[in-house]
Structures are given as structure tokens and as C-alpha cells.
């Protein structure tokens, strides 16, 4: 059995789908399925929950194999150019069945011994129920703004929405129960709410700055530009209702420089001992933190917060400020009530962040 493909296209496709692979104890999950069928070559990788595939033209017979060490193979063959011929031969039967590949491209040639394709986990059948189009780069940027607010996945978590990026209407958001980040774009409304794992959405960057088609099913979603396709599982469970966390009244609004605020939080972070969550008191622009009997203080310029006091988790506030680090100023809104959420936003932007305040002990709150 023999086929011919464009060498550059084949190697680039191999490099692309290899990006999904994470080291696994299951050999087939470290390999790429290469299938030649109906004058097409399809390369596919998977981690069970997500499939990434690239489709390109081919000429020749129909056959398939599992290419192990795909990254190393792609790197070794980057100098291939022009027509790449791939010939597969088989020997043995049953448990003794083996396949061999002979590759040739100009003066270069190679002999490989790939896995049999039989054990590769096939994609489950599914039916799309909704579809829409979006600019992949724009959608990826929105996901990247908010994904930090998703918790790390845990098998014991009864609320899968805590560790996922969620889509509803014109909103993309993530919330772990202690903080939230969301982005609003009225030019794109999803036809049905859904959530997805941040690791799966990370591969949106492979599509670059182009329009893609997105199909939503009951348990799967697919993103494609006609050549590259990303299929990922949709977690079950209810989405978090974004509006339920947003206060309708604020006791104070004030402006700060995110660059200055981040610099002073970095000072506190580097000074405080231990690996536990560090709590910081904010009082009229003054910052105070305590750790193992040691106290550290600093101050930032804050306009309009003379009577504002609240406590916060240092790491959570740092993540929220990082979302706006390139802005000269941001507005922070303190909710009515001492334990109401703190909202962070910047003029002219559709994304916001929310950090829940913490109750500090009187010893920590002392001036």
C-alpha cells in the first residue's frame, strides 16, 4: 500500500496535532493516528476528552497507522520538501501482526515501525444541535482573559462549572466561588449556553485570526476551519448564573494604577513567609499584611477611597489586576456591605473581574 502527499503539509499537520499530546502511560495517547482514505490524509491526536485533527490531500491507497514519537518525527523530517511517498507493508497475523513504513522524499528516506491503528480511541458519534461562526483569535483572547478564575479540576468537585470556562449569551466567564472574571461582547451571542475545559479551549489559538464554524451538541462541540478540526467534550452540569453574583449597589468607587498596585502586592508577596494564602488589609490606599508574627505595610495612590476598608486574598487580587495590567487606571467598586464583592473594570473594555473580600481577624486589622 502506497500514498503520496506534500511533505511540508504533512509535517506541519503532524506538528500541529502533536500539540494536543501530553505524556501518558497509555501508548496510543502518545501517538498520532494517520489515516489515508478517499484521496485524503487525516492526522488525529486525542487525550480522550479532546480530539484534534488536520485534513490534507493525498493520492494512493487506503490504510492507517499510529505514529509514535510524533514530535520527534516531525522535527527529524522538517527538511523534507516536495512529494513525500509513504509505503506500508504488513507481516504476521493476529498478535504477531506488524507493520512497517518506508518514507522517501527526494534523496532522503526513512524506515519506521508504527503501532497498529486498532487501539486508537475512535470519536463518539454525536449530532450538532446549534452552530455559529466566530473569529478564532478574538474568541481565544476572550477565553484567555478569564480562564485564570477557573479552579483546578478535582474528581471530588460536585460543581464542574467551578473549573470550566462558561459561555452564555454575549458573556464568556469563569468563577471558582472566590473570584470571577467575565468578558462581554455584544457582537457575538452563543445560540445555547455551554461550558468547556480551559485546556481544550487553549487550542483555539491554532486557528489564528480567521473565521471558524462552531457546532454544539448535547455532549460535544466542534470547531473547524475546514482543514483543522477541534472536537471536545462538553461537561454536564448547570452553568453558574452570572447575574446572581453582581451587586446592584456600591458603597464606594475609586481609581488606582494596576501597575502600582501589582508592584506593591509583589513586595508583600516576597516579604511574607510560608506558602499559605496571604491576606491583605486595604484601608484608604494603605496595604497591611501579617505572617508568622511579622507585619509588612505599604501604600498606593487611590482616588476616592478614604473611607474604604476590606480584606482580600493576595494571590486572587494579583490575578485580577493582571487582567488589566496594561491599563493606566482601573476603577474598583466596593459593594454595599463589608463582605460584598469587589468589582474591577477599565474604561472602554468589555471585561471585568470580581474578587470576594475576606473577613480578617482584629489582630490583622489593627492599624
Protein backbone atom coordinates (compact mmCIF):
# COMPACT_ATOMS: atom_id res chain seq x y z
CA UNK A 1 0.00 0.00 0.00
CA UNK A 2 1.41 3.34 -1.06
CA UNK A 3 0.42 7.02 -0.98
CA UNK A 4 1.86 10.39 -1.90
CA UNK A 5 1.38 13.66 -0.01
CA UNK A 6 3.01 17.07 0.07
CA UNK A 7 5.89 16.75 2.52
CA UNK A 8 5.64 20.26 4.01
CA UNK A 9 1.89 19.97 4.53
CA UNK A 10 2.24 16.55 6.16
CA UNK A 11 4.99 17.63 8.58
CA UNK A 12 3.17 20.84 9.51
CA UNK A 13 -0.01 18.86 10.16
CA UNK A 14 1.94 16.39 12.30
CA UNK A 15 3.43 19.23 14.35
CA UNK A 16 0.02 20.82 14.78
CA UNK A 17 -1.83 17.79 16.09
CA UNK A 18 1.12 16.85 18.32
CA UNK A 19 0.38 19.99 20.32
CA UNK A 20 -2.54 18.23 21.99
CA UNK A 21 -0.45 15.34 23.27
CA UNK A 22 0.52 15.23 26.95
CA UNK A 23 2.74 12.44 28.24
CA UNK A 24 0.56 9.46 29.11
CA UNK A 25 1.08 5.94 30.41
CA UNK A 26 -1.28 4.78 27.64
CA UNK A 27 0.87 4.39 24.48
CA UNK A 28 -1.88 5.23 21.96
CA UNK A 29 -2.42 8.62 23.64
CA UNK A 30 1.21 9.49 22.87
CA UNK A 31 0.75 8.71 19.19
CA UNK A 32 -0.94 10.30 16.17
CA UNK A 33 -3.40 8.36 14.03
CA UNK A 34 -2.59 8.79 10.34
CA UNK A 35 -5.40 7.62 8.05
CA UNK A 36 -5.41 7.64 4.25
CA UNK A 37 -8.87 7.29 2.82
CA UNK A 38 -10.70 8.51 -0.31
CA UNK A 39 -7.76 10.58 -1.53
CA UNK A 40 -7.45 12.37 1.82
CA UNK A 41 -4.95 12.16 4.67
CA UNK A 42 -6.27 12.84 8.18
CA UNK A 43 -3.94 13.14 11.17
CA UNK A 44 -5.59 12.91 14.59
CA UNK A 45 -4.44 13.09 18.22
CA UNK A 46 -6.52 12.71 21.37
CA UNK A 47 -6.45 12.77 25.16
CA UNK A 48 -9.87 11.03 25.29
CA UNK A 49 -11.83 14.20 26.08
CA UNK A 50 -10.46 16.22 23.14
CA UNK A 51 -9.62 15.35 19.53
CA UNK A 52 -7.50 17.48 17.20
CA UNK A 53 -7.27 16.62 13.52
CA UNK A 54 -5.90 18.09 10.30
CA UNK A 55 -7.07 17.08 6.83
CA UNK A 56 -4.98 17.32 3.64
CA UNK A 57 -4.99 15.92 0.06
CA UNK A 58 -3.35 12.57 -0.71
CA UNK A 59 -3.06 10.18 -3.63
CA UNK A 60 -2.98 6.42 -3.37
CA UNK A 61 -4.33 3.53 -1.34
CA UNK A 62 -6.40 3.44 1.83
CA UNK A 63 -4.61 2.41 5.04
CA UNK A 64 -3.84 3.69 8.54
CA UNK A 65 -1.19 3.53 11.27
CA UNK A 66 -0.34 5.03 14.65
CA UNK A 67 2.81 7.12 14.55
CA UNK A 68 4.54 7.14 17.93
CA UNK A 69 7.06 9.85 18.86
CA UNK A 70 5.25 12.31 16.53
CA UNK A 71 7.09 15.42 17.73
CA UNK A 72 10.48 13.81 17.21
CA UNK A 73 9.44 12.51 13.81
CA UNK A 74 8.21 15.92 12.68
CA UNK A 75 11.43 17.55 13.87
CA UNK A 76 13.58 14.98 12.04
CA UNK A 77 11.68 15.41 8.77
CA UNK A 78 11.39 19.21 8.70
CA UNK A 79 13.83 19.34 5.78
CA UNK A 80 11.53 17.21 3.63
CA UNK A 81 10.25 19.20 0.65
CA UNK A 82 8.22 18.24 -2.36
CA UNK A 83 6.49 14.90 -2.78
CA UNK A 84 6.58 12.51 0.16
CA UNK A 85 5.96 8.85 -0.65
CA UNK A 86 4.77 6.57 2.16
CA UNK A 87 4.63 2.81 1.64
CA UNK A 88 3.22 0.42 4.23
CA UNK A 89 3.85 -3.31 4.39
CA UNK A 90 2.50 -5.88 6.83
CA UNK A 91 3.85 -9.11 8.23
CA UNK A 92 2.39 -11.74 10.55
CA UNK A 93 -1.15 -12.38 11.69
CA UNK A 94 -3.18 -11.90 14.87
CA UNK A 95 -0.99 -10.96 17.82
CA UNK A 96 2.08 -11.23 15.61
CA UNK A 97 0.85 -8.71 13.07
CA UNK A 98 3.33 -5.89 12.49
CA UNK A 99 3.53 -3.00 10.02
CA UNK A 100 6.49 -1.19 8.52
CA UNK A 101 6.65 2.20 6.82
CA UNK A 102 9.09 3.23 4.14
CA UNK A 103 9.23 7.01 3.58
CA UNK A 104 11.07 8.72 0.76
CA UNK A 105 11.35 12.36 -0.22
CA UNK A 106 13.98 13.32 -2.79
CA UNK A 107 17.33 11.88 -1.67
CA UNK A 108 16.12 11.29 1.89
CA UNK A 109 14.45 8.14 3.14
CA UNK A 110 13.43 6.52 6.43
CA UNK A 111 12.04 3.26 7.76
CA UNK A 112 9.64 3.37 10.70
CA UNK A 113 7.75 0.78 12.72
CA UNK A 114 4.47 2.38 13.81
CA UNK A 115 1.75 0.95 16.04
CA UNK A 116 -1.32 -0.76 14.67
CA UNK A 117 -4.27 1.66 14.43
CA UNK A 118 -6.78 -0.73 16.02
CA UNK A 119 -6.47 0.53 19.62
CA UNK A 120 -6.84 4.23 18.86
CA UNK A 121 -9.97 5.52 20.67
CA UNK A 122 -12.48 6.40 17.99
CA UNK A 123 -14.53 9.56 18.25
CA UNK A 124 -18.01 9.00 19.61
CA UNK A 125 -20.93 9.64 17.30
CA UNK A 126 -22.75 12.89 18.04
CA UNK A 127 -25.23 15.25 16.42
CA UNK A 128 -24.83 19.05 16.29
CA UNK A 129 -27.82 20.95 17.63
CA UNK A 130 -26.62 24.55 17.27
CA UNK A 131 -23.97 26.30 15.17
CA UNK A 132 -22.43 29.74 14.90
CA UNK A 133 -19.32 31.42 13.47
CA UNK A 134 -16.68 33.44 15.29
CA UNK A 135 -13.23 34.86 14.80
CA UNK A 136 -10.93 32.30 16.43
CA UNK A 137 -8.30 34.81 17.62
CA UNK A 138 -10.92 37.08 19.15
CA UNK A 139 -12.64 34.21 20.92
CA UNK A 140 -9.31 32.82 22.16
CA UNK A 141 -8.37 36.25 23.57
CA UNK A 142 -11.67 36.39 25.48
CA UNK A 143 -11.07 32.94 26.96
CA UNK A 144 -7.52 33.85 27.97
CA UNK A 145 -8.73 36.95 29.82
CA UNK A 146 -10.98 34.98 32.13
CA UNK A 147 -9.61 31.44 32.45
CA UNK A 148 -7.44 32.29 35.49
CA UNK A 149 -10.63 32.47 37.58
CA UNK A 150 -11.43 28.79 36.98
CA UNK A 151 -10.42 26.36 39.71
CA UNK A 152 -8.13 23.40 39.09
CA UNK A 153 -10.23 20.32 38.24
CA UNK A 154 -10.88 17.92 41.11
CA UNK A 155 -12.52 14.47 40.90
CA UNK A 156 -14.31 15.24 44.20
CA UNK A 157 -15.84 18.51 42.97
CA UNK A 158 -19.62 18.25 42.69
CA UNK A 159 -19.79 21.54 40.76
CA UNK A 160 -17.96 21.12 37.44
CA UNK A 161 -18.71 24.73 36.50
CA UNK A 162 -16.08 25.88 39.03
CA UNK A 163 -13.23 24.57 36.87
CA UNK A 164 -14.62 25.45 33.43
CA UNK A 165 -14.93 28.45 31.14
CA UNK A 166 -18.60 29.20 30.60
CA UNK A 167 -20.46 30.75 27.66
CA UNK A 168 -23.89 32.31 27.89
CA UNK A 169 -25.38 34.90 25.57
CA UNK A 170 -22.72 37.54 24.94
CA UNK A 171 -20.70 36.55 28.04
CA UNK A 172 -17.59 34.40 28.47
CA UNK A 173 -16.73 33.87 32.13
CA UNK A 174 -15.09 31.74 34.81
CA UNK A 175 -15.87 31.58 38.52
CA UNK A 176 -14.40 29.39 41.26
CA UNK A 177 -16.52 30.66 44.15
CA UNK A 178 -13.93 33.14 45.45
CA UNK A 179 -13.39 35.24 42.34
CA UNK A 180 -14.81 35.69 38.89
CA UNK A 181 -13.74 37.14 35.55
CA UNK A 182 -16.04 37.80 32.65
CA UNK A 183 -15.91 39.33 29.19
CA UNK A 184 -18.90 40.75 27.30
CA UNK A 185 -19.03 41.15 23.54
CA UNK A 186 -22.46 42.13 22.15
CA UNK A 187 -21.30 41.23 18.63
CA UNK A 188 -21.19 37.52 19.49
CA UNK A 189 -24.01 35.72 21.27
CA UNK A 190 -23.82 31.94 21.52
CA UNK A 191 -27.07 30.21 20.48
CA UNK A 192 -27.06 27.98 23.58
CA UNK A 193 -25.16 28.18 26.89
CA UNK A 194 -22.30 25.73 27.41
CA UNK A 195 -19.07 25.26 29.32
CA UNK A 196 -15.72 23.74 28.36
CA UNK A 197 -12.41 22.84 29.94
CA UNK A 198 -9.80 25.63 29.64
CA UNK A 199 -7.22 23.12 28.34
CA UNK A 200 -9.48 22.25 25.40
CA UNK A 201 -10.17 25.90 24.56
CA UNK A 202 -6.44 26.63 24.60
CA UNK A 203 -6.20 25.02 21.16
CA UNK A 204 -8.33 27.78 19.62
CA UNK A 205 -5.01 29.56 19.03
CA UNK A 206 -4.19 27.01 16.31
CA UNK A 207 -6.80 28.61 14.03
CA UNK A 208 -5.13 32.00 14.03
CA UNK A 209 -7.02 35.13 13.00
CA UNK A 210 -9.71 33.52 10.87
CA UNK A 211 -13.41 32.75 10.99
CA UNK A 212 -14.30 29.30 12.25
CA UNK A 213 -17.52 27.33 12.45
CA UNK A 214 -18.53 26.12 15.91
CA UNK A 215 -21.07 23.34 16.34
CA UNK A 216 -22.67 22.48 19.67
CA UNK A 217 -24.19 19.12 20.50
CA UNK A 218 -25.55 17.66 23.70
CA UNK A 219 -22.16 16.36 24.89
CA UNK A 220 -19.62 17.58 22.32
CA UNK A 221 -18.59 20.74 20.50
CA UNK A 222 -16.57 21.07 17.30
CA UNK A 223 -14.52 23.98 15.98
CA UNK A 224 -13.34 23.81 12.37
CA UNK A 225 -11.99 25.93 9.54
CA UNK A 226 -12.48 23.13 7.00
CA UNK A 227 -8.91 21.82 7.39
CA UNK A 228 -8.22 21.72 11.13
CA UNK A 229 -10.90 20.42 13.50
CA UNK A 230 -11.06 20.55 17.29
CA UNK A 231 -13.62 18.28 18.96
CA UNK A 232 -14.04 18.45 22.73
CA UNK A 233 -16.37 17.09 25.37
CA UNK A 234 -18.93 19.38 26.99
CA UNK A 235 -19.13 18.77 30.76
CA UNK A 236 -22.51 18.03 32.26
CA UNK A 237 -23.99 20.21 34.96
CA UNK A 238 -25.59 23.62 35.40
CA UNK A 239 -23.80 26.82 34.48
CA UNK A 240 -23.25 29.49 37.08
CA UNK A 241 -25.78 32.34 36.70
CA UNK A 242 -23.57 35.35 36.09
CA UNK A 243 -26.11 37.95 37.17
CA UNK A 244 -26.62 36.34 40.56
CA UNK A 245 -23.14 37.41 41.72
CA UNK A 246 -23.26 41.03 40.57
CA UNK A 247 -24.34 43.65 43.13
CA UNK A 248 -26.67 46.44 42.11
CA UNK A 249 -25.35 48.96 44.64
CA UNK A 250 -21.85 50.09 45.62
CA UNK A 251 -20.73 52.00 48.69
CA UNK A 252 -17.64 53.44 47.00
CA UNK A 253 -15.81 53.67 43.69
CA UNK A 254 -12.15 54.60 43.40
CA UNK A 255 -9.36 54.62 40.81
CA UNK A 256 -5.91 53.06 41.08
CA UNK A 257 -2.98 52.27 38.84
CA UNK A 258 -2.85 48.49 38.26
CA UNK A 259 0.89 48.72 37.67
CA UNK A 260 1.46 50.41 41.03
CA UNK A 261 -0.96 48.09 42.84
CA UNK A 262 0.76 45.00 41.38
CA UNK A 263 4.20 46.30 42.34
CA UNK A 264 3.19 46.74 46.00
CA UNK A 265 1.48 43.35 46.11
CA UNK A 266 4.69 41.84 44.75
CA UNK A 267 6.60 43.49 47.61
CA UNK A 268 4.21 41.95 50.13
CA UNK A 269 4.28 38.55 48.43
CA UNK A 270 8.07 38.41 48.51
CA UNK A 271 8.19 39.54 52.14
CA UNK A 272 5.58 37.26 53.67
CA UNK A 273 6.61 33.85 54.95
CA UNK A 274 5.01 30.48 54.30
CA UNK A 275 3.02 29.03 51.43
CA UNK A 276 -0.44 29.52 52.84
CA UNK A 277 -2.90 32.04 51.43
CA UNK A 278 -1.83 35.51 52.49
CA UNK A 279 -4.50 38.04 53.48
CA UNK A 280 -4.10 41.76 52.95
CA UNK A 281 -5.97 44.63 54.52
CA UNK A 282 -6.85 47.61 52.27
CA UNK A 283 -7.65 50.84 54.10
CA UNK A 284 -7.81 54.10 52.17
CA UNK A 285 -4.94 53.01 49.91
CA UNK A 286 -2.80 51.58 52.73
CA UNK A 287 -1.94 47.86 52.46
CA UNK A 288 -1.14 45.78 55.53
CA UNK A 289 -0.28 42.06 55.76
CA UNK A 290 0.89 39.80 58.56
CA UNK A 291 2.69 36.45 58.54
CA UNK A 292 4.19 34.42 61.41
CA UNK A 293 4.25 37.42 63.71
CA UNK A 294 5.82 39.75 61.14
CA UNK A 295 3.94 42.69 59.66
CA UNK A 296 4.50 44.48 56.39
CA UNK A 297 2.86 47.64 55.12
CA UNK A 298 2.90 49.81 52.03
CA UNK A 299 0.64 52.29 50.27
CA UNK A 300 -0.75 53.01 46.81
CA UNK A 301 -2.30 56.12 45.33
CA UNK A 302 -6.07 55.63 45.27
CA UNK A 303 -8.51 58.37 44.34
CA UNK A 304 -11.81 58.39 46.23
CA UNK A 305 -11.28 55.61 48.79
CA UNK A 306 -10.66 57.49 52.01
CA UNK A 307 -13.28 55.54 53.99
CA UNK A 308 -12.98 52.20 52.19
CA UNK A 309 -11.74 49.14 54.10
CA UNK A 310 -11.74 45.49 53.10
CA UNK A 311 -9.55 42.41 53.21
CA UNK A 312 -8.55 40.23 50.26
CA UNK A 313 -6.55 37.19 49.24
CA UNK A 314 -3.24 38.48 47.87
CA UNK A 315 -2.99 35.94 45.03
CA UNK A 316 -6.59 36.42 43.91
CA UNK A 317 -6.24 40.19 43.75
CA UNK A 318 -2.96 39.85 41.86
CA UNK A 319 -4.60 37.65 39.22
CA UNK A 320 -7.47 40.12 38.82
CA UNK A 321 -5.12 43.08 38.43
CA UNK A 322 -3.03 41.17 35.87
CA UNK A 323 -6.14 41.12 33.67
CA UNK A 324 -5.82 44.94 33.41
CA UNK A 325 -2.06 45.42 33.83
CA UNK A 326 -1.64 47.41 30.59
CA UNK A 327 -4.28 49.99 31.54
CA UNK A 328 -3.12 53.29 33.09
CA UNK A 329 -6.02 53.28 35.58
CA UNK A 330 -8.78 50.94 36.69
CA UNK A 331 -11.94 51.51 38.69
CA UNK A 332 -12.57 49.40 41.79
CA UNK A 333 -16.11 49.24 43.18
CA UNK A 334 -16.75 48.21 46.76
CA UNK A 335 -20.19 46.70 47.25
CA UNK A 336 -22.63 47.85 49.89
CA UNK A 337 -21.87 45.61 52.86
CA UNK A 338 -18.48 44.70 54.29
CA UNK A 339 -18.37 41.26 52.64
CA UNK A 340 -19.83 42.23 49.28
CA UNK A 341 -17.69 41.56 46.16
CA UNK A 342 -15.10 43.98 44.80
CA UNK A 343 -15.61 44.72 41.08
CA UNK A 344 -12.67 45.76 38.88
CA UNK A 345 -13.11 47.33 35.45
CA UNK A 346 -11.39 49.63 32.98
CA UNK A 347 -12.88 52.30 30.76
CA UNK A 348 -13.70 51.16 27.24
CA UNK A 349 -13.32 47.44 27.94
CA UNK A 350 -15.94 44.73 27.95
CA UNK A 351 -14.20 42.53 30.52
CA UNK A 352 -14.39 42.77 34.31
CA UNK A 353 -13.10 40.96 37.36
CA UNK A 354 -14.65 40.20 40.74
CA UNK A 355 -12.81 39.35 43.95
CA UNK A 356 -14.63 38.28 47.10
CA UNK A 357 -13.35 40.05 50.23
CA UNK A 358 -12.24 38.06 53.28
CA UNK A 359 -13.02 38.55 56.96
CA UNK A 360 -9.81 39.44 58.75
CA UNK A 361 -9.13 38.90 62.44
CA UNK A 362 -8.96 42.01 64.60
CA UNK A 363 -5.27 41.42 65.14
CA UNK A 364 -4.68 41.52 61.42
CA UNK A 365 -6.94 44.52 61.01
CA UNK A 366 -5.13 46.61 63.60
CA UNK A 367 -3.54 49.74 62.25
